[in-house]
Amino acid sequence: MNGESVIEGPVHVTPDGALEILSKKEVSHLLDSAHSELFETFRKCALAVLNCGNPIDNSREVFARFRHFAVHIRQQERGIKLELVNAPASAFVDGRMIRGIREHLFAVLRDIVYTNQQIVESGAFDLRRSSDITDAVFHILRNAQVLIPQRPPDLVVCWGGHAISPTEYDYSKQVGYELGLRGMHICTGCGPGAMKGPMKGATIGHAKQRLYPGRYLGISEPGIIAAEPPNPIVNALVVMPDIEKRLKAFVRVGHGIVVFPGGVGTLEEILYLLGILLHPANADLPLPLVFTGPAESREYFHLIDRFLRATLGEAVRQRYRLVIADPPEVGRIMRQGLEAVHRFRHRTRDAYYFNWRLFIDPVYQQPFQPTHAAMARLRLTPELPPHQLAAELRRAFSGIVAANVKEAGIVAVERHGPFEIHGDRRILQPLEILLRQLVAQRRMKLAATYEPTYRLIPR
């Protein structure tokens, strides 16, 4: 096993919750030879969950190292159980699987089975239509029991990178602590780094305020979960079918967003959100957004700020606040922002648990497959309206993320060379400055060296 510590097995694991009543038909569907690709997706997601804490963010390398890992689904009259072979030993303590990891393992199974049968193959949703995509996201979240009616707005989405410095990680914990003290709960991409820190800090704030149970929602997707395995603090995990539905889930369930330092994945999230907020239909919709980090991250956020203003225009600055080295101020801004959201939702009779009124242009909803041809066709020109240009830039960053850490993107670049990104010089010049600095600050990957997976070609 290339030196990796594994439990050779077999190890049998049973769920605690509703998956005990997974039907025989649902299990047979997953095991049917016609759905071999679906089962392989589940196997890889299961491995990602079990491999929590491993400092590797290259999905292909993770799958190669644990290529002998196997999972078998055993149907029983009283429910189901999983049989694991060559599972990562880090998921176990004294031979027993860590409970949080076990919960994540069955959450993955739940979401993959439900999405395939009830969303993709049922015929109930036309995933080419914007309204049906919104309904599909709603149904996946509802099936995972993360939509809580009548609960006032209190969920803060925290974005940021997994490859951050210890100082930045500690700062994200301090911000999480301030949010927890003020009664707010945390939603992240569920991985390590800036996704784990706010949750860890919030647990202390919640404990001091006797807020039990704390809500630590993690939202992932199959393409990224191996590079960013869920941290065990997450007590509600949802696996969306692709990055676009993952991003949509964040902005539909979250009531405010805090962005910590990160790499190209964080820029993808920023551009997705700002593109939506810059659309005229959302001009009056409140959604507090704060960029924040310790003093050492000041230049990083000034770099982001300059890039956004240079590409999307000065008006973009009205949609976010920049706070450096002041966790209590972040907490105060978010608390005030969530109160404004509460008033707006109450006045407009919008649901507290799902942001139905937020308009999301179809360009942000259709899955983008970052092939060489698709990356070369991106329209990076200042002639586009800001919300449309943000969509094109989001796709550029999505492609770089795929080439850096996702298995399919890594293979594509190995076979055909770096992605070529064409565009107007007025857009590519600030983009080149930003990317160069992300590489220099080692924010692209956890690896010691980074070979660019992209080539910018101005015209």
Protein backbone atom coordinates (compact mmCIF):
# COMPACT_ATOMS: atom_id res chain seq x y z
CA MET A 1 0.00 0.00 0.00
CA ASN A 2 2.95 2.33 -0.69
CA GLY A 3 3.56 2.81 3.01
CA GLU A 4 0.03 4.08 3.70
CA SER A 5 -1.47 2.78 6.96
CA VAL A 6 -4.65 0.83 6.30
CA ILE A 7 -7.04 -1.51 8.07
CA GLU A 8 -6.86 -4.49 5.76
CA GLY A 9 -10.30 -5.56 6.87
CA PRO A 10 -12.88 -6.44 6.21
CA VAL A 11 -14.44 -3.87 8.54
CA HIS A 12 -18.23 -3.75 8.87
CA VAL A 13 -19.95 -0.42 9.49
CA THR A 14 -23.64 0.26 10.06
CA PRO A 15 -25.48 3.62 10.08
CA ASP A 16 -27.26 5.31 12.97
CA GLY A 17 -30.00 7.07 11.08
CA ALA A 18 -32.46 6.84 8.22
CA LEU A 19 -30.21 4.88 5.90
CA GLU A 20 -31.14 1.80 7.89
CA ILE A 21 -34.38 1.89 5.91
CA LEU A 22 -32.76 2.21 2.49
CA SER A 23 -34.85 -0.07 0.31
CA LYS A 24 -33.59 -3.20 -1.40
CA LYS A 25 -34.47 -1.59 -4.72
CA GLU A 26 -32.29 1.44 -3.94
CA VAL A 27 -29.35 -0.75 -3.00
CA SER A 28 -29.83 -2.98 -6.07
CA HIS A 29 -29.94 0.10 -8.26
CA LEU A 30 -26.57 1.25 -6.97
CA LEU A 31 -25.03 -2.22 -7.39
CA ASP A 32 -26.47 -2.82 -10.86
CA SER A 33 -23.75 -3.23 -13.49
CA ALA A 34 -25.45 -0.53 -15.54
CA HIS A 35 -24.54 1.91 -12.78
CA SER A 36 -20.89 0.95 -12.37
CA GLU A 37 -19.80 4.57 -12.82
CA LEU A 38 -22.20 5.65 -10.07
CA PHE A 39 -20.83 3.03 -7.68
CA GLU A 40 -17.26 4.08 -8.48
CA THR A 41 -18.23 7.66 -7.61
CA PHE A 42 -19.50 6.40 -4.27
CA ARG A 43 -16.32 4.37 -3.68
CA LYS A 44 -14.10 7.39 -4.31
CA CYS A 45 -16.24 9.67 -2.14
CA ALA A 46 -16.19 7.06 0.63
CA LEU A 47 -12.40 6.89 0.42
CA ALA A 48 -12.19 10.69 0.57
CA VAL A 49 -14.27 10.75 3.76
CA LEU A 50 -12.16 8.02 5.39
CA ASN A 51 -8.92 9.77 4.36
CA CYS A 52 -9.71 12.87 6.44
CA GLY A 53 -6.59 14.61 7.76
CA ASN A 54 -4.23 13.39 5.04
CA PRO A 55 -2.15 16.37 3.78
CA ILE A 56 -2.59 15.63 0.07
CA ASP A 57 -4.83 17.76 -2.16
CA ASN A 58 -4.23 15.89 -5.41
CA SER A 59 -7.29 13.70 -5.99
CA ARG A 60 -5.53 11.47 -8.45
CA GLU A 61 -2.67 10.81 -6.03
CA VAL A 62 -5.12 9.95 -3.24
CA PHE A 63 -6.93 7.44 -5.43
CA ALA A 64 -3.65 5.92 -6.60
CA ARG A 65 -2.28 5.52 -3.08
CA PHE A 66 -5.40 3.74 -1.92
CA ARG A 67 -6.14 1.91 -5.16
CA HIS A 68 -6.78 -1.32 -3.23
CA PHE A 69 -9.52 0.24 -1.13
CA ALA A 70 -12.85 -1.52 -1.65
CA VAL A 71 -16.34 -1.02 -0.29
CA HIS A 72 -19.20 -3.50 -0.47
CA ILE A 73 -22.82 -2.83 0.38
CA ARG A 74 -24.50 -5.64 2.29
CA GLN A 75 -28.29 -5.66 2.36
CA GLN A 76 -29.87 -7.02 5.55
CA GLU A 77 -33.48 -7.47 6.55
CA ARG A 78 -33.02 -4.87 9.28
CA GLY A 79 -31.09 -2.41 7.09
CA ILE A 80 -27.73 -2.18 5.40
CA LYS A 81 -24.09 -2.26 6.35
CA LEU A 82 -20.89 -1.41 4.54
CA GLU A 83 -17.94 -3.77 4.32
CA LEU A 84 -14.63 -1.92 3.93
CA VAL A 85 -11.34 -3.41 2.81
CA ASN A 86 -8.00 -1.57 3.05
CA ALA A 87 -9.62 1.49 4.61
CA PRO A 88 -7.31 4.32 5.82
CA ALA A 89 -6.34 3.62 9.43
CA SER A 90 -6.65 7.31 10.32
CA ALA A 91 -10.45 6.90 10.30
CA PHE A 92 -10.31 4.57 13.30
CA VAL A 93 -9.50 4.84 17.00
CA ASP A 94 -8.64 1.58 18.75
CA GLY A 95 -10.18 -0.32 15.88
CA ARG A 96 -13.47 1.61 15.89
CA MET A 97 -14.40 4.16 13.26
CA ILE A 98 -14.63 7.75 14.47
CA ARG A 99 -18.33 8.50 14.76
CA GLY A 100 -18.22 11.74 12.78
CA ILE A 101 -16.48 9.97 9.91
CA ARG A 102 -19.04 7.17 10.00
CA GLU A 103 -21.83 9.73 9.75
CA HIS A 104 -20.11 11.32 6.75
CA LEU A 105 -19.69 7.94 5.08
CA PHE A 106 -23.41 7.27 5.13
CA ALA A 107 -24.26 10.87 4.23
CA VAL A 108 -22.28 10.32 1.03
CA LEU A 109 -24.23 7.15 0.31
CA ARG A 110 -27.54 8.88 1.04
CA ASP A 111 -26.88 11.80 -1.30
CA ILE A 112 -25.46 9.78 -4.18
CA VAL A 113 -28.39 7.34 -4.13
CA TYR A 114 -31.00 10.10 -3.78
CA THR A 115 -29.53 12.40 -6.41
CA ASN A 116 -29.19 9.67 -9.00
CA GLN A 117 -32.61 8.09 -8.48
CA GLN A 118 -34.80 11.04 -7.52
CA ILE A 119 -33.12 13.91 -9.38
CA VAL A 120 -31.28 12.54 -12.43
CA GLU A 121 -33.23 9.43 -13.48
CA SER A 122 -36.73 10.09 -12.14
CA GLY A 123 -37.76 12.43 -14.96
CA ALA A 124 -39.20 14.84 -12.40
CA PHE A 125 -36.57 17.51 -13.11
CA ASP A 126 -35.42 19.04 -16.36
CA LEU A 127 -31.87 20.02 -15.36
CA ARG A 128 -31.60 22.33 -18.37
CA ARG A 129 -34.16 24.67 -16.80
CA SER A 130 -33.19 27.17 -14.15
CA SER A 131 -36.31 26.65 -12.03
CA ASP A 132 -35.86 22.88 -12.04
CA ILE A 133 -32.22 23.19 -11.00
CA THR A 134 -33.30 25.35 -8.06
CA ASP A 135 -35.94 22.77 -7.12
CA ALA A 136 -33.39 19.96 -7.42
CA VAL A 137 -30.99 21.74 -5.06
CA PHE A 138 -33.87 22.32 -2.64
CA HIS A 139 -34.89 18.65 -2.72
CA ILE A 140 -31.33 17.38 -2.11
CA LEU A 141 -30.94 19.73 0.86
CA ARG A 142 -34.37 18.82 2.21
CA ASN A 143 -33.65 15.10 1.90
CA ALA A 144 -30.47 15.68 3.90
CA GLN A 145 -32.61 17.38 6.58
CA VAL A 146 -30.56 20.59 6.63
CA LEU A 147 -33.47 22.96 5.88
CA ILE A 148 -34.96 24.03 9.22
CA PRO A 149 -38.29 25.94 9.01
CA GLN A 150 -39.08 28.81 11.39
CA ARG A 151 -35.46 29.22 12.45
CA PRO A 152 -34.38 32.89 12.20
CA PRO A 153 -31.39 33.63 9.92
CA ASP A 154 -28.26 32.49 11.77
CA LEU A 155 -26.13 30.56 9.25
CA VAL A 156 -22.86 32.13 8.08
CA VAL A 157 -21.08 30.57 5.11
CA CYS A 158 -17.29 30.67 5.48
CA TRP A 159 -15.14 30.31 2.38
CA GLY A 160 -11.37 30.11 2.16
CA GLY A 161 -8.50 27.86 1.17
CA HIS A 162 -7.25 24.58 2.56
CA ALA A 163 -3.64 25.62 1.87
CA ILE A 164 -3.36 28.53 4.33
CA SER A 165 -0.72 29.51 6.86
CA PRO A 166 -0.96 28.61 10.56
CA THR A 167 -1.55 32.29 11.37
CA GLU A 168 -4.44 32.49 8.91
CA TYR A 169 -5.89 29.25 10.27
CA ASP A 170 -5.76 30.56 13.84
CA TYR A 171 -7.42 33.78 12.67
CA SER A 172 -10.27 31.83 11.07
CA LYS A 173 -10.81 30.11 14.42
CA GLN A 174 -10.97 33.48 16.17
CA VAL A 175 -13.60 34.71 13.72
CA GLY A 176 -15.59 31.50 14.18
CA TYR A 177 -15.40 32.04 17.94
CA GLU A 178 -16.82 35.57 17.60
CA LEU A 179 -19.62 34.30 15.35
CA GLY A 180 -20.42 31.52 17.81
CA LEU A 181 -20.55 33.94 20.75
CA ARG A 182 -23.16 35.94 18.83
CA GLY A 183 -25.39 32.93 18.23
CA MET A 184 -24.41 32.30 14.62
CA HIS A 185 -23.74 28.88 13.13
CA ILE A 186 -21.29 27.83 10.44
CA CYS A 187 -21.47 26.41 6.93
CA THR A 188 -18.29 25.71 4.93
CA GLY A 189 -16.95 23.58 2.12
CA CYS A 190 -16.30 21.10 4.95
CA GLY A 191 -12.59 20.53 4.32
CA PRO A 192 -9.46 21.54 6.25
CA GLY A 193 -7.84 24.97 6.63
CA ALA A 194 -10.22 27.92 6.43
CA MET A 195 -13.15 25.50 6.19
CA LYS A 196 -12.30 23.81 9.49
CA GLY A 197 -11.06 26.81 11.50
CA PRO A 198 -14.37 28.72 11.77
CA MET A 199 -16.18 25.58 12.88
CA LYS A 200 -13.55 24.83 15.49
CA GLY A 201 -13.72 28.36 16.87
CA ALA A 202 -17.51 28.39 16.85
CA THR A 203 -17.65 25.25 19.00
CA ILE A 204 -16.04 27.22 21.86
CA GLY A 205 -18.32 30.23 21.37
CA HIS A 206 -21.36 27.96 21.35
CA ALA A 207 -20.17 26.11 24.46
CA LYS A 208 -19.74 29.36 26.38
CA GLN A 209 -23.22 30.49 25.36
CA ARG A 210 -24.66 27.00 26.01
CA LEU A 211 -25.88 26.78 22.43
CA TYR A 212 -26.42 23.06 21.92
CA PRO A 213 -26.24 21.55 19.44
CA GLY A 214 -24.06 23.80 17.33
CA ARG A 215 -24.77 23.64 13.62
CA TYR A 216 -21.72 22.87 11.45
CA LEU A 217 -22.93 22.29 7.91
CA GLY A 218 -20.52 21.10 5.23
CA ILE A 219 -21.32 21.12 1.50
CA SER A 220 -19.09 19.26 -0.95
CA GLU A 221 -19.23 17.59 -4.37
CA PRO A 222 -17.62 14.43 -5.83
CA GLY A 223 -14.99 16.27 -7.86
CA ILE A 224 -13.44 18.10 -4.90
CA ILE A 225 -14.13 15.89 -1.90
CA ALA A 226 -10.88 13.89 -2.17
CA ALA A 227 -8.80 17.08 -2.22
CA GLU A 228 -10.85 18.60 0.61
CA PRO A 229 -12.13 15.68 2.73
CA PRO A 230 -14.79 16.60 5.30
CA ASN A 231 -13.39 17.44 8.72
CA PRO A 232 -15.13 15.52 11.54
CA ILE A 233 -16.47 18.69 13.21
CA VAL A 234 -19.05 18.82 10.40
CA ASN A 235 -22.26 17.41 11.89
CA ALA A 236 -24.35 17.74 8.73
CA LEU A 237 -22.72 16.83 5.42
CA VAL A 238 -24.33 17.24 2.00
CA VAL A 239 -22.73 16.10 -1.25
CA MET A 240 -24.12 17.99 -4.23
CA PRO A 241 -23.72 16.49 -7.72
CA ASP A 242 -21.42 19.20 -9.18
CA ILE A 243 -19.65 22.45 -8.32
CA GLU A 244 -22.42 24.68 -9.68
CA LYS A 245 -25.09 23.07 -7.48
CA ARG A 246 -22.67 23.15 -4.55
CA LEU A 247 -22.17 26.89 -4.98
CA LYS A 248 -25.89 27.39 -5.44
CA ALA A 249 -26.58 25.49 -2.22
CA PHE A 250 -24.23 27.83 -0.32
CA VAL A 251 -26.03 30.99 -1.40
CA ARG A 252 -29.51 29.53 -1.00
CA VAL A 253 -29.06 28.30 2.60
CA GLY A 254 -26.56 30.89 3.89
CA HIS A 255 -27.61 34.22 5.38
CA GLY A 256 -24.20 35.90 5.26
CA ILE A 257 -20.76 35.04 3.89
CA VAL A 258 -17.25 35.48 5.28
CA VAL A 259 -14.27 34.95 3.00
CA PHE A 260 -10.85 34.05 4.39
CA PRO A 261 -7.60 33.82 2.39
CA GLY A 262 -7.52 31.09 -0.20
CA GLY A 263 -6.43 30.12 -3.68
CA VAL A 264 -8.16 29.75 -7.04
CA GLY A 265 -11.07 27.83 -5.51
CA THR A 266 -11.81 30.77 -3.23
CA LEU A 267 -11.64 33.14 -6.22
CA GLU A 268 -14.14 30.91 -8.02
CA GLU A 269 -16.51 31.25 -5.05
CA ILE A 270 -16.00 35.01 -4.81
CA LEU A 271 -16.72 35.54 -8.51
CA TYR A 272 -19.75 33.27 -8.40
CA LEU A 273 -21.26 35.25 -5.55
CA LEU A 274 -20.34 38.72 -6.82
CA GLY A 275 -21.64 37.89 -10.28
CA ILE A 276 -25.00 37.04 -8.74
CA LEU A 277 -25.07 40.09 -6.48
CA LEU A 278 -24.12 42.40 -9.38
CA HIS A 279 -27.15 41.30 -11.39
CA PRO A 280 -29.72 44.15 -11.43
CA ALA A 281 -32.42 41.77 -10.16
CA ASN A 282 -30.53 41.41 -6.86
CA ALA A 283 -29.68 45.07 -6.33
CA ASP A 284 -31.83 45.45 -3.20
CA LEU A 285 -31.40 41.97 -1.76
CA PRO A 286 -29.34 41.94 1.48
CA LEU A 287 -26.56 39.37 1.78
CA PRO A 288 -23.69 40.56 4.00
CA LEU A 289 -20.25 39.72 2.62
CA VAL A 290 -16.97 40.26 4.46
CA PHE A 291 -13.41 39.58 3.30
CA THR A 292 -11.16 39.12 6.31
CA GLY A 293 -7.79 37.83 7.47
CA PRO A 294 -4.94 38.55 9.88
CA ALA A 295 -2.46 41.39 9.38
CA GLU A 296 -0.20 39.15 7.29
CA SER A 297 -3.06 38.72 4.77
CA ARG A 298 -3.54 42.45 4.21
CA GLU A 299 -1.71 42.52 0.88
CA TYR A 300 -3.52 39.38 -0.25
CA PHE A 301 -6.92 41.02 0.17
CA HIS A 302 -5.74 44.28 -1.34
CA LEU A 303 -4.65 42.19 -4.33
CA ILE A 304 -8.11 40.61 -4.55
CA ASP A 305 -9.74 44.02 -4.19
CA ARG A 306 -7.62 45.52 -6.99
CA PHE A 307 -8.36 42.57 -9.26
CA LEU A 308 -12.11 42.77 -8.72
CA ARG A 309 -12.24 46.53 -9.30
CA ALA A 310 -9.99 46.29 -12.39
CA THR A 311 -12.14 43.61 -14.02
CA LEU A 312 -15.70 44.16 -12.73
CA GLY A 313 -15.61 47.93 -12.12
CA GLU A 314 -15.53 50.16 -9.07
CA ALA A 315 -19.20 49.45 -8.27
CA VAL A 316 -18.28 45.93 -7.14
CA ARG A 317 -16.75 47.45 -3.99
CA GLN A 318 -20.24 48.27 -2.70
CA ARG A 319 -21.08 44.57 -2.32
CA TYR A 320 -18.42 43.62 0.26
CA ARG A 321 -16.60 44.86 3.36
CA LEU A 322 -12.88 44.39 3.94
CA VAL A 323 -11.86 43.80 7.58
CA ILE A 324 -8.25 43.10 8.55
CA ALA A 325 -7.14 41.68 11.92
CA ASP A 326 -10.39 42.36 13.76
CA PRO A 327 -12.48 39.21 14.49
CA PRO A 328 -14.95 41.01 16.83
CA GLU A 329 -15.73 43.52 14.07
CA VAL A 330 -16.46 40.65 11.67
CA GLY A 331 -18.84 39.23 14.26
CA ARG A 332 -20.60 42.57 14.70
CA ILE A 333 -20.95 43.15 10.95
CA MET A 334 -22.39 39.67 10.45
CA ARG A 335 -24.80 40.01 13.37
CA GLN A 336 -26.11 43.32 12.00
CA GLY A 337 -26.23 41.90 8.48
CA LEU A 338 -28.24 38.87 9.54
CA GLU A 339 -30.70 41.10 11.35
CA ALA A 340 -31.21 43.00 8.09
CA VAL A 341 -31.71 39.69 6.26
CA HIS A 342 -34.26 38.69 8.91
CA ARG A 343 -36.23 41.91 8.43
CA PHE A 344 -36.10 41.60 4.63
CA ARG A 345 -37.23 37.97 4.61
CA HIS A 346 -40.04 38.73 7.06
CA ARG A 347 -41.21 41.73 5.03
CA THR A 348 -41.11 39.90 1.69
CA ARG A 349 -42.45 36.63 3.17
CA ASP A 350 -39.42 34.74 1.87
CA ALA A 351 -38.36 31.57 3.66
CA TYR A 352 -35.69 31.90 6.33
CA TYR A 353 -34.19 28.51 5.43
CA PHE A 354 -33.87 28.88 1.62
CA ASN A 355 -33.21 32.09 -0.31
CA TRP A 356 -35.89 31.72 -2.97
CA ARG A 357 -35.87 35.41 -3.97
CA LEU A 358 -32.22 35.42 -5.01
CA PHE A 359 -32.06 35.52 -8.81
CA ILE A 360 -29.36 33.28 -10.28
CA ASP A 361 -28.73 33.65 -14.00
CA PRO A 362 -28.74 30.32 -15.93
CA VAL A 363 -25.07 30.83 -16.86
CA TYR A 364 -24.21 30.21 -13.19
CA GLN A 365 -26.27 27.04 -13.01
CA GLN A 366 -25.33 24.88 -15.97
CA PRO A 367 -22.34 22.62 -15.20
CA PHE A 368 -19.14 23.82 -16.82
CA GLN A 369 -16.86 21.03 -18.04
CA PRO A 370 -13.34 22.52 -18.10
CA THR A 371 -12.00 20.92 -21.27
CA HIS A 372 -9.26 22.55 -23.33
CA ALA A 373 -11.82 23.61 -25.92
CA ALA A 374 -14.19 25.09 -23.32
CA MET A 375 -11.41 26.99 -21.58
CA ALA A 376 -10.23 28.43 -24.91
CA ARG A 377 -13.77 29.67 -25.69
CA LEU A 378 -14.16 31.79 -22.56
CA ARG A 379 -15.22 35.37 -23.26
CA LEU A 380 -12.93 37.53 -21.15
CA THR A 381 -13.68 41.00 -22.41
CA PRO A 382 -14.59 44.25 -20.59
CA GLU A 383 -17.41 44.78 -23.07
CA LEU A 384 -19.52 42.27 -21.16
CA PRO A 385 -21.79 43.50 -18.33
CA PRO A 386 -20.05 42.91 -14.97
CA HIS A 387 -22.32 40.06 -13.90
CA GLN A 388 -21.67 38.22 -17.18
CA LEU A 389 -17.91 38.83 -17.09
CA ALA A 390 -17.86 37.49 -13.52
CA ALA A 391 -19.45 34.28 -14.82
CA GLU A 392 -16.73 33.88 -17.46
CA LEU A 393 -13.97 34.58 -14.92
CA ARG A 394 -15.56 32.10 -12.52
CA ARG A 395 -15.30 29.44 -15.19
CA ALA A 396 -11.63 30.29 -15.79
CA PHE A 397 -10.88 29.75 -12.11
CA SER A 398 -13.02 26.59 -12.08
CA GLY A 399 -10.83 25.17 -14.84
CA ILE A 400 -7.63 25.98 -12.95
CA VAL A 401 -9.05 24.33 -9.82
CA ALA A 402 -9.85 21.21 -11.84
CA ALA A 403 -6.37 21.09 -13.35
CA ASN A 404 -4.77 21.56 -9.92
CA VAL A 405 -6.62 19.06 -7.74
CA LYS A 406 -9.41 17.18 -9.59
CA GLU A 407 -8.65 13.84 -11.18
CA ALA A 408 -10.21 14.56 -14.58
CA GLY A 409 -8.55 17.97 -14.89
CA ILE A 410 -5.14 16.64 -13.85
CA VAL A 411 -5.34 13.90 -16.49
CA ALA A 412 -6.46 16.36 -19.20
CA VAL A 413 -3.50 18.67 -18.58
CA GLU A 414 -1.05 15.77 -18.48
CA ARG A 415 -2.29 14.56 -21.86
CA HIS A 416 -2.79 17.84 -23.71
CA GLY A 417 -0.73 20.43 -21.86
CA PRO A 418 -1.88 23.49 -19.91
CA PHE A 419 -5.28 25.03 -20.47
CA GLU A 420 -5.09 28.03 -22.80
CA ILE A 421 -7.09 31.02 -21.61
CA HIS A 422 -7.67 33.69 -24.27
CA GLY A 423 -8.95 37.16 -23.52
CA ASP A 424 -8.67 40.92 -23.77
CA ARG A 425 -5.43 42.32 -22.37
CA ARG A 426 -7.41 44.58 -20.04
CA ILE A 427 -8.75 41.47 -18.31
CA LEU A 428 -5.80 39.11 -18.65
CA GLN A 429 -3.25 41.56 -17.29
CA PRO A 430 -4.86 41.88 -13.82
CA LEU A 431 -5.62 38.14 -13.96
CA GLU A 432 -1.95 37.36 -14.62
CA ILE A 433 -0.85 39.58 -11.72
CA LEU A 434 -3.29 37.85 -9.40
CA LEU A 435 -2.34 34.31 -10.45
CA ARG A 436 1.37 35.07 -10.23
CA GLN A 437 0.94 36.27 -6.66
CA LEU A 438 -1.15 33.23 -5.71
CA VAL A 439 1.67 31.01 -6.94
CA ALA A 440 4.32 33.12 -5.13
CA GLN A 441 2.32 32.92 -1.89
CA ARG A 442 1.95 29.13 -2.31
CA ARG A 443 -1.84 29.30 -2.37
CA MET A 444 -2.34 27.04 -5.36
CA LYS A 445 -1.66 23.64 -3.76
CA LEU A 446 -0.18 22.03 -0.67
CA ALA A 447 2.76 20.73 -2.71
CA ALA A 448 6.15 22.42 -2.27
CA THR A 449 6.39 23.34 -5.96
CA TYR A 450 3.74 24.32 -8.48
CA GLU A 451 3.86 24.02 -12.24
CA PRO A 452 1.16 26.26 -13.81
CA THR A 453 -1.65 24.30 -15.40
CA TYR A 454 -2.76 27.25 -17.52
CA ARG A 455 -1.39 29.64 -20.13
CA LEU A 456 -2.80 33.15 -20.60
CA ILE A 457 -2.97 34.33 -24.21
CA PRO A 458 -3.92 38.03 -24.59
CA ARG A 459 -5.37 39.45 -27.76
